[in-house]
Amino acid sequence: MSFDFLGQLQERGFAGVLGVRVCDEAGQELFSLKADRVFPAASTIKIPLLVMALQAAQRGELILTDRVTMHAADRVPGAGVLHELSADLSLTWQDVLTLMIVVSDNTATNLVIDRLGVQAVNAWLDTAGFASTRLVGKLQLPPAQRNEAQRRGERNRTTAHDQTELLGRLWRGDFLDSTHTDLALSILSRQQYRDLIGRRVPCGATGEALYRVASKSGELGGVHHDVGVLWTPRPLVVALLSEGGLDLREHPENRDVTLLADVLWPLLAALGQVDSISPDRLS
């Protein structure tokens, strides 16, 4: 399928760089643009953490109803709500995983990283075949607490290819049994940041989206990502990674984000065989 994704964006003033990949349910690639380019992972790094934690739960090594205490020293700024709450809050591990995804909570994420271990996460990524995705360290740490790699300026990283492979295998049940797969997709479906993949999904008369989206966004200054599963008539696995945007605001009406969403949906509608847009119109 011919679709000048980057050209359409540049015509509208987008100055950044992209990595895009779209696959069908079986993992067949339907569209790709610089899918192997490495980007700062931002909050998309939280998806492998979710999968790995649920694998531990499935093995009985992590009990989702057990509680973990968030101490004052655990709180970090940025996305989420836990840094706004009182210290010594007791949360179940399922609550922690849910907060990590649905509001992209950085404090919750760091609790998960503490539980899993940075080296163990990277060993899992290597074993699973995601060599271009790396967890360098915990999120939003003050300078004195950063590890050596972080002090060198290294950042958590990933590619559109790795993200679509990870999500596709999660969706197909390659990583988890049906109970834990359903839980992972349920948590991802409740993610509250719908700025890219979910932004232009049409809604019905009641205001509900016509097609389910299970996704994880990621945002840093000039970096805007969204990766997920989209249940269009032909279901899709989608990854859009971008950096170098000129609008540095973390805001729902960020100009780069709205441009990306405007160009992304026609592609997804065509590949997903939504009736209103045919692939012929994009060739």
Foldseek 3Di string as FASTA:
>chain_A
DDFPLVVLLVVVPWDWDKWKWKAFLVRHTDDTDPQVDKDFCFLVLLLLLLLVVLLCVQVVNAPQQDKDFAAQVLAADDWFCPNVDDGRDIDGLLVLSLRCFQGVHLSSSQVSCVVQDQVNSQVVCVVVPFPSFHQLHGPRDPPVPHDPCVVVVDHGMHGNVSLLVSQSCLCVQVRHPPVSSVSLQVSQQNRPDCLAPNPPQDDDPVRHGPWGWRWGWGDAFQWTKIWTWIGACRIMTIIMTIGDGPQRDPDSPRPSSVSNRVSPVLVCCQVSVPPVHHVVVRD
